[in-house]
Amino acid sequence: MADKDREAELTARLAVLEERLAELEDREQAAKGRGDPFGRDAMESIDALFMELLPAEARAHLRTARKERLLAVRSVIDSWIERVDREPSKRRRKESIRLEGD
């Protein structure tokens, strides 16, 4: 009996997922019709669905990885800002150009 209950549960879950997938595909088509070539709404929905399907531990690792990527970008930008602040402003010397007939 437990096997039949599990099978029914999985069948119901699969039906829900197929319905969500159909909605995402519809959104993607609608986004393309609006001139959104990347279908950002659809991609965000797919990402959310993907995250929902992952185990909690995997989601936590992915969130941490995303944060680390952002921190890496921040450190690069901070180093560029520090370099700009350290360098004295380099003023270009005005140059005179003599024209013929002057």
Protein backbone atom coordinates (compact mmCIF):
# COMPACT_ATOMS: atom_id res chain seq x y z
CA MET A 1 0.00 0.00 0.00
CA ALA A 2 2.86 2.38 0.77
CA ASP A 3 4.25 1.95 -2.74
CA LYS A 4 0.91 2.95 -4.28
CA ASP A 5 0.69 5.99 -2.00
CA ARG A 6 4.21 7.02 -2.94
CA GLU A 7 3.46 6.52 -6.62
CA ALA A 8 0.30 8.62 -6.35
CA GLU A 9 2.22 11.34 -4.53
CA LEU A 10 4.94 11.38 -7.18
CA THR A 11 2.37 11.41 -9.98
CA ALA A 12 0.62 14.39 -8.39
CA ARG A 13 3.92 16.21 -7.92
CA LEU A 14 4.88 15.52 -11.52
CA ALA A 15 1.56 16.95 -12.70
CA VAL A 16 2.20 20.14 -10.70
CA LEU A 17 5.70 20.46 -12.15
CA GLU A 18 4.45 19.93 -15.69
CA GLU A 19 1.83 22.62 -15.13
CA ARG A 20 4.50 25.03 -13.87
CA LEU A 21 6.70 24.22 -16.83
CA ALA A 22 3.82 24.96 -19.22
CA GLU A 23 3.27 28.31 -17.46
CA LEU A 24 6.96 29.15 -17.79
CA GLU A 25 6.95 28.30 -21.46
CA ASP A 26 3.88 30.51 -21.94
CA ARG A 27 5.61 33.36 -20.10
CA GLU A 28 8.70 32.93 -22.24
CA GLN A 29 6.66 33.15 -25.42
CA ALA A 30 4.84 36.23 -24.11
CA ALA A 31 8.15 37.85 -23.17
CA LYS A 32 9.52 37.25 -26.64
CA GLY A 33 6.36 38.81 -28.07
CA ARG A 34 6.99 41.95 -25.97
CA GLY A 35 10.42 42.31 -27.46
CA ASP A 36 12.26 40.88 -24.47
CA PRO A 37 14.73 38.63 -26.32
CA PHE A 38 16.02 37.00 -23.17
CA GLY A 39 12.64 36.29 -21.56
CA ARG A 40 13.87 37.56 -18.20
CA ASP A 41 10.61 36.82 -16.39
CA ALA A 42 10.68 33.27 -17.70
CA MET A 43 14.32 32.82 -16.78
CA GLU A 44 13.71 34.06 -13.25
CA SER A 45 10.80 31.67 -12.92
CA ILE A 46 12.86 28.78 -14.23
CA ASP A 47 15.63 29.69 -11.80
CA ALA A 48 13.12 29.78 -8.93
CA LEU A 49 11.70 26.41 -9.96
CA PHE A 50 15.18 24.93 -10.25
CA MET A 51 16.06 26.21 -6.78
CA GLU A 52 12.85 24.72 -5.40
CA LEU A 53 13.77 21.31 -6.78
CA LEU A 54 17.24 21.33 -5.21
CA PRO A 55 17.86 20.04 -1.72
CA ALA A 56 18.23 22.72 0.95
CA GLU A 57 21.95 22.06 1.36
CA ALA A 58 22.58 22.57 -2.37
CA ARG A 59 20.58 25.82 -2.34
CA ALA A 60 22.65 27.06 0.59
CA HIS A 61 25.89 26.29 -1.28
CA LEU A 62 24.63 28.09 -4.40
CA ARG A 63 23.61 31.16 -2.38
CA THR A 64 27.04 31.22 -0.76
CA ALA A 65 28.74 30.86 -4.15
CA ARG A 66 26.66 33.73 -5.56
CA LYS A 67 27.63 35.91 -2.60
CA GLU A 68 31.31 35.04 -3.04
CA ARG A 69 31.18 36.02 -6.73
CA LEU A 70 29.67 39.37 -5.79
CA LEU A 71 32.30 39.91 -3.08
CA ALA A 72 35.02 39.16 -5.63
CA VAL A 73 33.63 41.77 -8.01
CA ARG A 74 33.40 44.24 -5.12
CA SER A 75 37.06 43.69 -4.21
CA VAL A 76 38.14 44.31 -7.81
CA ILE A 77 36.14 47.54 -7.96
CA ASP A 78 37.51 48.62 -4.55
CA SER A 79 41.07 48.06 -5.75
CA TRP A 80 40.41 50.15 -8.86
CA ILE A 81 38.98 52.95 -6.72
CA GLU A 82 42.03 52.84 -4.41
CA ARG A 83 44.37 53.01 -7.40
CA VAL A 84 42.54 56.06 -8.76
CA ASP A 85 42.68 57.73 -5.34
CA ARG A 86 46.44 57.03 -4.96
CA GLU A 87 47.45 58.34 -8.37
CA PRO A 88 47.87 62.07 -8.60
CA SER A 89 45.79 63.59 -11.29
CA LYS A 90 47.78 63.70 -14.46
CA ARG A 91 47.17 66.97 -16.18
CA ARG A 92 48.00 67.12 -19.78
CA ARG A 93 50.30 69.92 -20.77
CA LYS A 94 48.76 72.33 -23.19
CA GLU A 95 50.42 72.12 -26.51
CA SER A 96 50.80 74.94 -28.99
CA ILE A 97 50.62 74.21 -32.63
CA ARG A 98 51.99 76.76 -35.04
CA LEU A 99 50.17 77.11 -38.29
CA GLU A 100 51.88 78.20 -41.43
CA GLY A 101 51.44 81.88 -42.09
CA ASP A 102 51.46 82.93 -38.44
